[in-house]
């Protein structure tokens, strides 16, 4: 796949028309990003088979690496440095803690997980997941407000948008994720500081993501360095 989510052809063509002289956008034309997905649809070169040993990376599009070459994504860099076994990148764009718990819980008895590194920045706080009648998770978030059903709109206005409920919801699923890690006896490292900022397509010092929405390459590296620094402390949260 050459495009995914917010990193799509329509957005790129609009940005290219607006910022034609951007050396970064021109580079993406010459060297397109490829999204290689495994047998479960996650962005990793490693297929998941029952009993596989590896390290889990939980998160949203920043951990997946939306708009980035895989080599520049914090999770992939960290795995190559200190990861054990296969690269279990269980991240997915647009997700919040409920979805991330769901992914980890699903694989917790199928894979042998040595460590869990979890990146959850503030822009992901107001993202909820509900199970529909087909048994699939549906994300309810401000980024999908235009797609709300009448029930979802009602839930959003009455409960989900309120800070107190959001904090309660996030704490519940953070504790649930920590408990899964405790049950399987693996190291859990959680980091929640955002690197979100307006990207400059003409920057001389930084390399923006291809969609001009996600972090600079250099911000991805900062996240990698932070996890590298705090790894080794079981159940670490900063």
Protein backbone atom coordinates (compact mmCIF):
# COMPACT_ATOMS: atom_id res chain seq x y z
CA UNK A 1 0.00 0.00 0.00
CA UNK A 2 1.30 3.45 -0.92
CA UNK A 3 -1.41 5.43 0.89
CA UNK A 4 -3.27 5.05 4.17
CA UNK A 5 -5.69 7.09 6.29
CA UNK A 6 -4.87 10.80 6.37
CA UNK A 7 -1.82 10.11 4.21
CA UNK A 8 -3.88 9.89 1.03
CA UNK A 9 -3.53 11.01 -2.59
CA UNK A 10 -6.11 13.81 -2.33
CA UNK A 11 -4.35 15.47 0.59
CA UNK A 12 -0.93 15.03 -0.99
CA UNK A 13 -2.02 16.54 -4.31
CA UNK A 14 -3.58 19.53 -2.54
CA UNK A 15 -0.44 20.07 -0.46
CA UNK A 16 1.77 19.67 -3.52
CA UNK A 17 -0.25 22.28 -5.40
CA UNK A 18 0.06 24.66 -2.46
CA UNK A 19 3.71 23.95 -1.58
CA UNK A 20 5.14 23.01 -4.97
CA UNK A 21 8.70 24.03 -4.05
CA UNK A 22 8.86 21.95 -0.87
CA UNK A 23 11.94 19.74 -1.09
CA UNK A 24 10.27 17.35 1.34
CA UNK A 25 7.18 16.79 -0.81
CA UNK A 26 9.37 16.43 -3.88
CA UNK A 27 11.38 13.76 -2.07
CA UNK A 28 8.19 11.83 -1.29
CA UNK A 29 7.42 11.82 -5.03
CA UNK A 30 10.84 10.41 -5.84
CA UNK A 31 10.83 8.00 -2.89
CA UNK A 32 7.25 6.99 -2.09
CA UNK A 33 6.31 5.57 1.29
CA UNK A 34 5.16 1.95 1.33
CA UNK A 35 2.85 0.55 4.00
CA UNK A 36 3.58 -3.16 4.39
CA UNK A 37 0.82 -4.89 6.37
CA UNK A 38 1.01 -8.35 7.91
CA UNK A 39 -1.54 -11.19 8.05
CA UNK A 40 -3.62 -9.31 10.65
CA UNK A 41 -3.48 -5.95 8.86
CA UNK A 42 -0.94 -4.33 11.18
CA UNK A 43 2.04 -2.36 9.87
CA UNK A 44 4.90 -4.75 10.46
CA UNK A 45 6.97 -7.06 8.24
CA UNK A 46 6.36 -9.85 10.78
CA UNK A 47 3.30 -12.07 10.46
CA UNK A 48 1.71 -13.17 13.75
CA UNK A 49 1.46 -16.91 14.38
CA UNK A 50 0.30 -18.56 17.60
CA UNK A 51 3.18 -18.92 20.04
CA UNK A 52 5.40 -16.28 18.41
CA UNK A 53 7.72 -14.38 20.76
CA UNK A 54 8.02 -10.62 20.41
CA UNK A 55 7.63 -7.08 21.71
CA UNK A 56 4.36 -5.11 21.51
CA UNK A 57 4.07 -1.45 20.50
CA UNK A 58 0.68 0.07 21.33
CA UNK A 59 -0.64 3.38 20.05
CA UNK A 60 -2.39 5.33 17.34
CA UNK A 61 -1.20 6.62 13.95
CA UNK A 62 2.01 8.02 15.48
CA UNK A 63 3.09 4.53 16.52
CA UNK A 64 1.90 3.04 13.23
CA UNK A 65 3.93 5.72 11.48
CA UNK A 66 1.32 7.47 9.33
CA UNK A 67 3.08 9.65 6.76
CA UNK A 68 6.51 8.18 7.55
CA UNK A 69 8.92 5.62 6.20
CA UNK A 70 8.94 2.69 8.61
CA UNK A 71 12.64 3.23 9.32
CA UNK A 72 11.80 6.64 10.84
CA UNK A 73 8.98 5.47 13.14
CA UNK A 74 9.79 5.43 16.88
CA UNK A 75 8.40 1.91 17.41
CA UNK A 76 10.44 0.35 14.61
CA UNK A 77 13.62 2.15 15.68
CA UNK A 78 13.15 1.08 19.28
CA UNK A 79 12.49 -2.51 18.29
CA UNK A 80 15.67 -2.64 16.24
CA UNK A 81 17.59 -1.27 19.23
CA UNK A 82 16.20 -3.21 22.20
CA UNK A 83 13.14 -5.18 21.03
CA UNK A 84 12.95 -8.92 21.67
CA UNK A 85 11.62 -11.32 19.05
CA UNK A 86 9.10 -10.20 16.44
CA UNK A 87 7.91 -6.63 15.89
CA UNK A 88 4.35 -6.79 17.27
CA UNK A 89 3.19 -3.33 16.13
CA UNK A 90 -0.43 -3.39 17.38
CA UNK A 91 -1.04 0.28 16.59
CA UNK A 92 -3.86 1.60 14.43
CA UNK A 93 -4.74 5.11 13.26
CA UNK A 94 -7.48 7.01 15.09
CA UNK A 95 -7.61 4.68 18.08
CA UNK A 96 -7.87 5.45 21.78
CA UNK A 97 -7.24 3.38 24.89
CA UNK A 98 -10.26 1.08 24.51
CA UNK A 99 -9.15 -0.13 21.07
CA UNK A 100 -5.57 -0.48 22.23
CA UNK A 101 -6.67 -2.57 25.21
CA UNK A 102 -8.75 -4.70 22.85
CA UNK A 103 -5.77 -5.43 20.58
CA UNK A 104 -3.46 -6.27 23.48
CA UNK A 105 -6.05 -8.46 25.24
CA UNK A 106 -6.84 -10.35 22.04
CA UNK A 107 -3.22 -11.31 21.42
CA UNK A 108 -2.20 -11.75 25.07
CA UNK A 109 -2.93 -15.49 25.06
CA UNK A 110 -1.90 -16.09 21.45
CA UNK A 111 1.53 -14.47 21.38
CA UNK A 112 4.38 -14.63 23.87
CA UNK A 113 4.85 -10.96 24.71
CA UNK A 114 8.15 -9.95 26.30
CA UNK A 115 7.54 -6.17 26.62
CA UNK A 116 4.84 -3.58 25.90
CA UNK A 117 5.72 -0.02 24.89
CA UNK A 118 2.67 2.24 24.83
CA UNK A 119 2.54 5.77 23.37
CA UNK A 120 -0.67 7.69 24.06
CA UNK A 121 -0.41 11.47 23.42
CA UNK A 122 -3.05 14.01 24.43
CA UNK A 123 -4.58 14.33 20.95
CA UNK A 124 -5.85 10.76 21.41
CA UNK A 125 -7.57 11.30 24.77
CA UNK A 126 -11.12 11.84 23.45
CA UNK A 127 -11.43 8.64 21.43
CA UNK A 128 -13.89 5.96 22.41
CA UNK A 129 -14.69 2.51 21.03
CA UNK A 130 -18.07 0.78 21.13
CA UNK A 131 -18.85 -2.74 19.94
CA UNK A 132 -21.54 -2.87 17.25
CA UNK A 133 -24.01 -5.75 16.76
CA UNK A 134 -21.63 -7.42 14.29
CA UNK A 135 -18.98 -7.59 17.00
CA UNK A 136 -16.75 -4.89 15.50
CA UNK A 137 -15.28 -1.91 17.27
CA UNK A 138 -16.55 1.47 16.12
CA UNK A 139 -14.50 4.55 17.02
CA UNK A 140 -16.39 7.58 18.30
CA UNK A 141 -14.18 10.66 18.34
CA UNK A 142 -14.06 14.32 17.38
CA UNK A 143 -12.17 13.31 14.25
CA UNK A 144 -15.22 11.36 13.08
CA UNK A 145 -17.91 13.76 14.28
CA UNK A 146 -19.26 14.23 10.75
CA UNK A 147 -20.08 10.51 10.66
CA UNK A 148 -22.04 10.29 13.93
CA UNK A 149 -25.28 8.38 14.12
CA UNK A 150 -28.09 9.96 16.15
CA UNK A 151 -27.25 7.74 19.12
CA UNK A 152 -23.54 8.50 18.90
CA UNK A 153 -24.26 12.22 18.69
CA UNK A 154 -26.39 11.97 21.81
CA UNK A 155 -23.73 10.01 23.70
CA UNK A 156 -21.04 12.46 22.63
CA UNK A 157 -22.95 15.53 23.83
CA UNK A 158 -24.24 14.01 27.07
CA UNK A 159 -21.22 12.05 28.27
CA UNK A 160 -18.17 11.64 26.07
CA UNK A 161 -17.15 15.26 25.60
CA UNK A 162 -17.02 15.92 29.35
CA UNK A 163 -13.56 16.02 30.90
CA UNK A 164 -14.50 14.11 34.06
CA UNK A 165 -15.95 11.18 32.13
CA UNK A 166 -13.01 11.17 29.71
CA UNK A 167 -10.53 11.00 32.59
CA UNK A 168 -12.51 8.18 34.20
CA UNK A 169 -12.69 6.26 30.90
CA UNK A 170 -8.98 6.64 30.19
CA UNK A 171 -7.96 5.59 33.70
CA UNK A 172 -10.11 2.45 33.46
CA UNK A 173 -8.46 1.31 30.23
CA UNK A 174 -4.96 2.32 31.33
CA UNK A 175 -5.43 0.13 34.40
CA UNK A 176 -6.83 -2.66 32.24
CA UNK A 177 -3.79 -2.56 29.94
CA UNK A 178 -1.44 -2.58 32.93
CA UNK A 179 -3.29 -5.54 34.38
CA UNK A 180 -2.91 -7.56 31.15
CA UNK A 181 0.82 -6.89 31.29
CA UNK A 182 0.89 -7.95 34.93
CA UNK A 183 -0.99 -11.17 34.14
CA UNK A 184 1.46 -12.19 31.42
CA UNK A 185 4.46 -10.96 33.42
CA UNK A 186 5.92 -8.48 30.94
CA UNK A 187 7.46 -5.04 31.21
CA UNK A 188 5.04 -2.16 30.51
CA UNK A 189 6.26 1.33 29.62
CA UNK A 190 3.75 4.13 29.04
CA UNK A 191 4.45 7.61 27.68
CA UNK A 192 1.85 10.30 26.98
CA UNK A 193 3.57 13.57 26.06
CA UNK A 194 2.46 15.01 22.72
CA UNK A 195 4.71 16.26 19.93
CA UNK A 196 1.82 17.79 17.95
CA UNK A 197 2.58 21.07 16.17
CA UNK A 198 1.96 22.87 12.88
CA UNK A 199 4.34 21.46 10.28
CA UNK A 200 6.39 23.67 7.99
CA UNK A 201 6.62 22.10 4.50
CA UNK A 202 9.69 24.28 3.78
CA UNK A 203 11.55 23.57 7.02
CA UNK A 204 15.34 23.50 6.66
CA UNK A 205 15.91 21.78 10.00
CA UNK A 206 13.01 19.33 10.27
CA UNK A 207 11.46 16.72 7.99
CA UNK A 208 7.64 16.78 7.99
CA UNK A 209 5.41 13.73 7.57
CA UNK A 210 4.12 13.30 4.03
CA UNK A 211 0.55 14.25 5.00
CA UNK A 212 1.79 17.41 6.79
CA UNK A 213 -0.41 16.37 9.74
CA UNK A 214 1.63 13.92 11.77
CA UNK A 215 4.89 14.55 13.61
CA UNK A 216 8.18 15.59 12.12
CA UNK A 217 10.70 12.76 11.67
CA UNK A 218 12.76 14.41 14.40
CA UNK A 219 9.82 14.25 16.86
CA UNK A 220 9.51 10.55 16.16
CA UNK A 221 13.19 10.26 17.06
CA UNK A 222 12.58 12.10 20.35
CA UNK A 223 9.89 9.57 21.29
CA UNK A 224 12.27 6.73 20.44
CA UNK A 225 14.97 8.30 22.63
CA UNK A 226 12.53 8.74 25.53
CA UNK A 227 11.44 5.10 25.47
CA UNK A 228 15.05 4.01 25.14
CA UNK A 229 15.88 6.02 28.25
CA UNK A 230 13.03 4.76 30.43
CA UNK A 231 12.96 1.12 29.27
CA UNK A 232 13.91 -1.48 31.84
CA UNK A 233 11.69 -0.12 34.62
CA UNK A 234 8.74 -2.48 34.98
CA UNK A 235 5.33 -0.76 34.82
CA UNK A 236 6.95 2.60 34.19
CA UNK A 237 4.60 5.54 33.60
CA UNK A 238 5.88 9.09 32.99
